[in-house]
Each structure stands twice: as structure tokens, then as C-alpha cells.
Amino acid sequence: MSERPVTAEQPTEEPMTFIDKAAGVFYEPSRVFESIKSTGAKFADWFVPVLILAILGSLSGYVAYSNPDLRYQTMQIMEQSLNKRVTEGKMTAEQAQQAKAAMEGGGSSFLPILTVMGAFFGIFVVFFVVSGVWLVVAKFALKGSITYAQSMGVVGLSNWIAALGLLIGIVLSITMSKLNAGLNLGLFTQAGTLSKSHILLSKLDLFTIWGLVLISIGLGKLADKKTAEVAMWVFGLWIVWGLFSVFVLGGTFA
């Protein structure tokens, strides 16, 4: 009697848990995004990191007003911004003076609340918009077949890096008494916070670049493209948007 060859069954890999994905995005992102491709993105995959980022963004705004040194810098920046608008003809001197009086008077008590709430909800709005942008890039530029939910998963998981960077930035701001501090080249310049050179150098941030690398890996996995090819699109659009926001929008959305 002839013996049948014995074939070993291929072990099926268990789906990654939320904790596996949250930790894996730091040391094995390829496996994490491969999981997103095969099993889809879960609600918690994107919601939890974005929620934490929004909370940290609100905390950053609160610190900017609760710390005396940072509050002074914040008010100085706002006054500089008003003066700039007057110089550019976007606001009259009388309107600027009224705005300054409101900041120094009763209106200043609402600024921390507006800043905290604006940071919290603004981060969610930016997340949904950015997820849509990368979805368009993946579908039309990379010719990939991905869903908006998968794009949200990639962007959301990458926000773990942004959250870590923001947390370190808050600590640096408090210890160095420097507003909007972070691990970027803007930390080493003496130029004014509103200057174009400072804004551009601040964009060269360790955690921002790290996050863009993760997005390149994630979109590459979902669209079946090489990371280097995807990175050209991701970093290219990031550079274009950075230059546009600084030199055309004046750093408003920088």
C-alpha cells in the first residue's frame, strides 16, 4: 500500500488585538497595517489614539494659559498677529485695539476655554479630513483598492506617534518655558514664533516625520505598493502643503 504524504496544516495567525496594534505600530508597523488590510480597521483602532491626541491637544492649550511665562508668550503672539493684520490691511487699527482690550479684559477669561475646546474638536476634524486626503491619494495616485475605514485606521494608528510627540512637547514647554516646544528645528532658532523661518523649521519635527513614514508604510500595504513609492507621494504632498500654508496662507494652518 502506498502511503499518502502527510501535509502539515498551515497555522492561521490570530487577529491582532487593540493592544497589539497600539504597541506594534512602534516596532512592527508592517504587521499592524497588514492586519488592517486583512481584517479591517476596528473603531477603537482610530478612535482611541485620536481621542488621546485631542485630550493632549486640549491640555497643551490649557498649559499655554495656566503657566505665567507661556501665557505671556501667548498674548504676545496674539498681539503680534493683530498688528500684522493691521499692517496687511486686513483689520483697522481701531478694531485691533478693541481686540487687544478684549484680550486684556473680560474677554481673556474665555480664551482658555475657546482654545481647549477648539483644540479638542479641531483634532477630530483634521483627522477625518486627512483620512479622506490619503484615501484619494491611495485610490487615484496609487491605484489601490482601499476603503475610508482602512484609511482612518492607518491615520488613527499613526496618531499614537503624534500623541507621544505632543506629550513630549508639553513637557518641554513647561520645563523650558517655551511655547509650542518640540523635537524640531524650530526649538533651536531665535526667530519669532510667527516668522516664516520659524514655522518652516518647526515642521521638521521628529514625530511628524515618523508619522509620515508610518502612513507611507500603511498605504503601501493597503495599495500593494512599495513604501518608497508611496513615501514620494506622502512626503511630496506634505512639503507642498507646508510651503503653501506658510507662504500663501501666512502660516494660518501651519
Protein backbone atom coordinates (compact mmCIF):
# COMPACT_ATOMS: atom_id res chain seq x y z
CA MET A 1 0.00 0.00 0.00
CA SER A 2 1.25 3.43 -0.92
CA GLU A 3 1.45 5.94 1.85
CA ARG A 4 -0.17 9.33 1.40
CA PRO A 5 2.13 12.27 2.06
CA VAL A 6 1.34 13.94 5.28
CA THR A 7 0.86 17.70 4.86
CA ALA A 8 1.06 19.88 7.88
CA GLU A 9 -1.71 22.42 8.20
CA GLN A 10 -0.53 26.00 7.99
CA PRO A 11 -1.21 27.70 11.32
CA THR A 12 -3.56 30.60 10.95
CA GLU A 13 -2.36 33.81 12.56
CA GLU A 14 -4.69 35.14 15.20
CA PRO A 15 -6.10 38.63 14.60
CA MET A 16 -4.15 41.35 16.37
CA THR A 17 -5.76 42.79 19.45
CA PHE A 18 -6.10 46.51 20.10
CA ILE A 19 -3.11 46.42 22.46
CA ASP A 20 -1.05 44.52 19.87
CA LYS A 21 -1.76 47.19 17.26
CA ALA A 22 -1.14 50.10 19.62
CA ALA A 23 2.22 48.67 20.68
CA GLY A 24 3.11 47.17 17.30
CA VAL A 25 2.86 50.49 15.48
CA PHE A 26 6.08 51.47 17.28
CA TYR A 27 8.16 48.38 16.47
CA GLU A 28 6.41 46.30 13.78
CA PRO A 29 4.16 48.66 11.77
CA SER A 30 4.20 46.45 8.66
CA ARG A 31 2.47 43.63 10.55
CA VAL A 32 -0.03 46.06 12.07
CA PHE A 33 -1.06 47.52 8.72
CA GLU A 34 -1.13 44.06 7.15
CA SER A 35 -3.70 43.23 9.82
CA ILE A 36 -5.71 46.32 8.87
CA LYS A 37 -5.68 45.13 5.28
CA SER A 38 -6.83 41.57 6.08
CA THR A 39 -9.31 42.12 8.90
CA GLY A 40 -10.19 45.80 8.52
CA ALA A 41 -9.87 48.67 10.97
CA LYS A 42 -11.80 48.48 14.20
CA PHE A 43 -13.46 51.54 15.75
CA ALA A 44 -11.05 51.55 18.68
CA ASP A 45 -8.03 51.41 16.35
CA TRP A 46 -8.53 55.00 15.27
CA PHE A 47 -10.84 56.46 17.91
CA VAL A 48 -8.67 55.83 20.98
CA PRO A 49 -5.43 57.37 19.64
CA VAL A 50 -7.30 60.34 18.16
CA LEU A 51 -9.16 60.84 21.46
CA ILE A 52 -5.88 60.77 23.40
CA LEU A 53 -4.33 63.19 20.90
CA ALA A 54 -7.35 65.51 21.30
CA ILE A 55 -7.08 65.38 25.10
CA LEU A 56 -3.36 66.18 24.91
CA GLY A 57 -4.10 68.99 22.46
CA SER A 58 -6.58 70.46 24.95
CA LEU A 59 -4.05 70.02 27.75
CA SER A 60 -1.45 71.86 25.66
CA GLY A 61 -3.88 74.76 25.23
CA TYR A 62 -4.64 74.79 28.95
CA VAL A 63 -0.94 74.83 29.84
CA ALA A 64 -0.37 77.76 27.47
CA TYR A 65 -2.73 79.88 29.60
CA SER A 66 -2.15 78.45 33.09
CA ASN A 67 1.65 78.85 33.03
CA PRO A 68 2.53 82.57 33.52
CA ASP A 69 5.53 82.54 31.15
CA LEU A 70 3.67 80.66 28.44
CA ARG A 71 0.59 82.83 28.91
CA TYR A 72 2.70 85.96 28.38
CA GLN A 73 4.18 84.47 25.20
CA THR A 74 0.70 83.51 24.01
CA MET A 75 -0.64 87.02 24.50
CA GLN A 76 2.43 88.48 22.79
CA ILE A 77 1.87 86.25 19.76
CA MET A 78 -1.80 87.24 19.58
CA GLU A 79 -0.87 90.93 19.71
CA GLN A 80 1.77 90.43 17.02
CA SER A 81 -0.82 88.68 14.89
CA LEU A 82 -3.24 91.60 15.29
CA ASN A 83 -0.51 94.11 14.39
CA LYS A 84 0.35 92.06 11.33
CA ARG A 85 -3.28 92.09 10.19
CA VAL A 86 -3.35 95.87 10.57
CA THR A 87 -0.16 96.21 8.53
CA GLU A 88 -1.59 93.98 5.79
CA GLY A 89 -4.81 96.00 5.72
CA LYS A 90 -6.97 93.12 6.92
CA MET A 91 -8.01 94.98 10.04
CA THR A 92 -8.21 98.60 11.11
CA ALA A 93 -6.15 99.97 13.98
CA GLU A 94 -9.35 100.64 15.93
CA GLN A 95 -10.51 97.04 15.52
CA ALA A 96 -7.10 95.77 16.62
CA GLN A 97 -7.20 97.99 19.70
CA GLN A 98 -10.66 96.71 20.60
CA ALA A 99 -9.46 93.13 20.22
CA LYS A 100 -6.45 93.79 22.46
CA ALA A 101 -8.69 95.40 25.08
CA ALA A 102 -10.97 92.35 24.97
CA MET A 103 -8.00 90.05 25.48
CA GLU A 104 -6.70 92.05 28.42
CA GLY A 105 -10.14 92.49 29.93
CA GLY A 106 -13.06 90.17 30.49
CA GLY A 107 -12.73 88.54 27.10
CA SER A 108 -9.40 86.97 28.10
CA SER A 109 -11.20 84.61 30.50
CA PHE A 110 -12.91 82.94 27.57
CA LEU A 111 -9.71 82.44 25.56
CA PRO A 112 -8.53 79.37 27.52
CA ILE A 113 -11.94 77.74 27.13
CA LEU A 114 -12.08 78.50 23.42
CA THR A 115 -8.53 77.25 22.96
CA VAL A 116 -9.14 73.99 24.83
CA MET A 117 -12.43 73.26 23.07
CA GLY A 118 -11.07 74.32 19.69
CA ALA A 119 -8.04 72.03 20.05
CA PHE A 120 -10.19 69.06 21.09
CA PHE A 121 -12.73 69.19 18.29
CA GLY A 122 -10.26 70.57 15.75
CA ILE A 123 -8.09 67.47 16.04
CA PHE A 124 -11.06 65.25 15.19
CA VAL A 125 -11.96 67.42 12.20
CA VAL A 126 -8.38 67.34 10.93
CA PHE A 127 -8.29 63.57 11.37
CA PHE A 128 -11.35 62.99 9.18
CA VAL A 129 -10.09 65.39 6.52
CA VAL A 130 -6.59 63.90 6.43
CA SER A 131 -8.03 60.38 6.24
CA GLY A 132 -10.02 61.49 3.19
CA VAL A 133 -6.95 63.03 1.57
CA TRP A 134 -4.90 59.84 1.91
CA LEU A 135 -7.86 57.81 0.66
CA VAL A 136 -7.91 59.91 -2.53
CA VAL A 137 -4.14 59.53 -2.92
CA ALA A 138 -4.33 55.75 -2.45
CA LYS A 139 -7.21 55.31 -4.88
CA PHE A 140 -6.22 57.65 -7.70
CA ALA A 141 -2.47 58.16 -7.43
CA LEU A 142 -1.52 54.70 -6.19
CA LYS A 143 -4.39 52.88 -7.95
CA GLY A 144 -5.14 50.93 -4.80
CA SER A 145 -8.42 49.46 -3.66
CA ILE A 146 -8.92 50.64 -0.09
CA THR A 147 -11.82 51.94 1.97
CA TYR A 148 -12.23 55.10 4.00
CA ALA A 149 -12.35 52.96 7.16
CA GLN A 150 -8.95 51.48 6.30
CA SER A 151 -7.54 54.94 5.67
CA MET A 152 -8.90 56.02 9.05
CA GLY A 153 -7.18 53.01 10.60
CA VAL A 154 -3.81 53.95 9.09
CA VAL A 155 -4.06 57.62 10.09
CA GLY A 156 -5.51 56.81 13.51
CA LEU A 157 -2.82 54.32 14.42
CA SER A 158 -0.16 56.75 13.21
CA ASN A 159 -1.57 59.27 15.68
CA TRP A 160 -0.02 57.26 18.52
CA ILE A 161 3.25 58.80 17.35
CA ALA A 162 1.70 62.27 17.20
CA ALA A 163 0.34 61.82 20.73
CA LEU A 164 3.77 60.87 22.04
CA GLY A 165 5.31 63.87 20.31
CA LEU A 166 2.68 66.23 21.73
CA LEU A 167 3.20 64.85 25.25
CA ILE A 168 6.95 65.44 25.00
CA GLY A 169 6.23 68.91 23.59
CA ILE A 170 4.09 69.79 26.62
CA VAL A 171 6.85 68.67 28.98
CA LEU A 172 9.44 70.68 27.05
CA SER A 173 7.21 73.76 27.02
CA ILE A 174 6.85 73.65 30.80
CA THR A 175 10.49 72.88 31.61
CA MET A 176 11.94 75.33 29.07
CA SER A 177 9.18 77.98 29.40
CA LYS A 178 8.99 78.00 25.61
CA LEU A 179 5.65 78.00 23.81
CA ASN A 180 4.99 75.18 21.31
CA ALA A 181 8.28 73.45 22.10
CA GLY A 182 9.01 70.10 20.49
CA LEU A 183 11.70 67.93 18.98
CA ASN A 184 12.01 70.05 15.86
CA LEU A 185 14.49 72.51 14.40
CA GLY A 186 12.31 75.42 15.49
CA LEU A 187 13.50 74.74 19.03
CA PHE A 188 16.99 75.94 18.10
CA THR A 189 16.11 79.17 16.31
CA GLN A 190 15.83 82.61 17.85
CA ALA A 191 13.42 83.80 15.16
CA GLY A 192 9.96 84.94 16.23
CA THR A 193 7.24 82.34 16.55
CA LEU A 194 5.24 83.98 13.75
CA SER A 195 8.19 84.26 11.37
CA LYS A 196 8.12 82.10 8.25
CA SER A 197 11.56 80.67 9.02
CA HIS A 198 10.45 79.52 12.49
CA ILE A 199 7.26 77.94 11.16
CA LEU A 200 9.14 76.08 8.43
CA LEU A 201 11.82 74.83 10.82
CA SER A 202 9.14 73.75 13.30
CA LYS A 203 7.68 71.50 10.61
CA LEU A 204 10.91 69.50 10.55
CA ASP A 205 9.73 67.58 13.59
CA LEU A 206 10.91 64.09 14.55
CA PHE A 207 7.44 62.78 15.36
CA THR A 208 5.83 64.36 12.29
CA ILE A 209 8.35 62.64 10.01
CA TRP A 210 7.96 59.38 11.94
CA GLY A 211 4.19 59.58 11.49
CA LEU A 212 4.51 60.23 7.75
CA VAL A 213 6.77 57.18 7.43
CA LEU A 214 4.09 55.08 9.13
CA ILE A 215 1.41 56.42 6.80
CA SER A 216 3.65 55.55 3.84
CA ILE A 217 4.02 52.00 5.16
CA GLY A 218 0.29 51.68 5.85
CA LEU A 219 -0.89 52.99 2.48
CA GLY A 220 1.74 50.85 0.79
CA LYS A 221 0.38 47.72 2.45
CA LEU A 222 -3.22 48.58 1.59
CA ALA A 223 -2.47 49.56 -2.01
CA ASP A 224 0.13 46.81 -2.63
CA LYS A 225 2.82 49.35 -3.40
CA LYS A 226 6.40 49.71 -2.26
CA THR A 227 6.88 52.01 0.71
CA ALA A 228 9.41 54.14 -1.18
CA GLU A 229 6.92 54.80 -3.98
CA VAL A 230 4.19 55.75 -1.52
CA ALA A 231 6.58 57.91 0.51
CA MET A 232 7.26 60.05 -2.56
CA TRP A 233 3.58 60.97 -2.66
CA VAL A 234 3.17 61.34 1.11
CA PHE A 235 6.22 63.50 1.71
CA GLY A 236 5.74 65.35 -1.57
CA LEU A 237 2.22 66.44 -0.61
CA TRP A 238 3.39 67.28 2.90
CA ILE A 239 6.11 69.57 1.54
CA VAL A 240 3.73 71.23 -0.92
CA TRP A 241 1.12 71.83 1.79
CA GLY A 242 3.75 73.14 4.19
CA LEU A 243 5.05 75.70 1.69
CA PHE A 244 1.51 76.69 0.65
CA SER A 245 0.34 77.14 4.26
CA VAL A 246 3.33 79.33 5.12
CA PHE A 247 3.80 81.46 2.03
CA VAL A 248 0.21 81.68 0.77
CA LEU A 249 -1.93 81.29 3.92
CA GLY A 250 0.63 83.06 6.09
CA GLY A 251 1.01 80.15 8.49
CA THR A 252 -2.67 80.16 9.48
CA PHE A 253 -2.98 76.39 9.12
CA ALA A 254 0.69 75.58 9.57
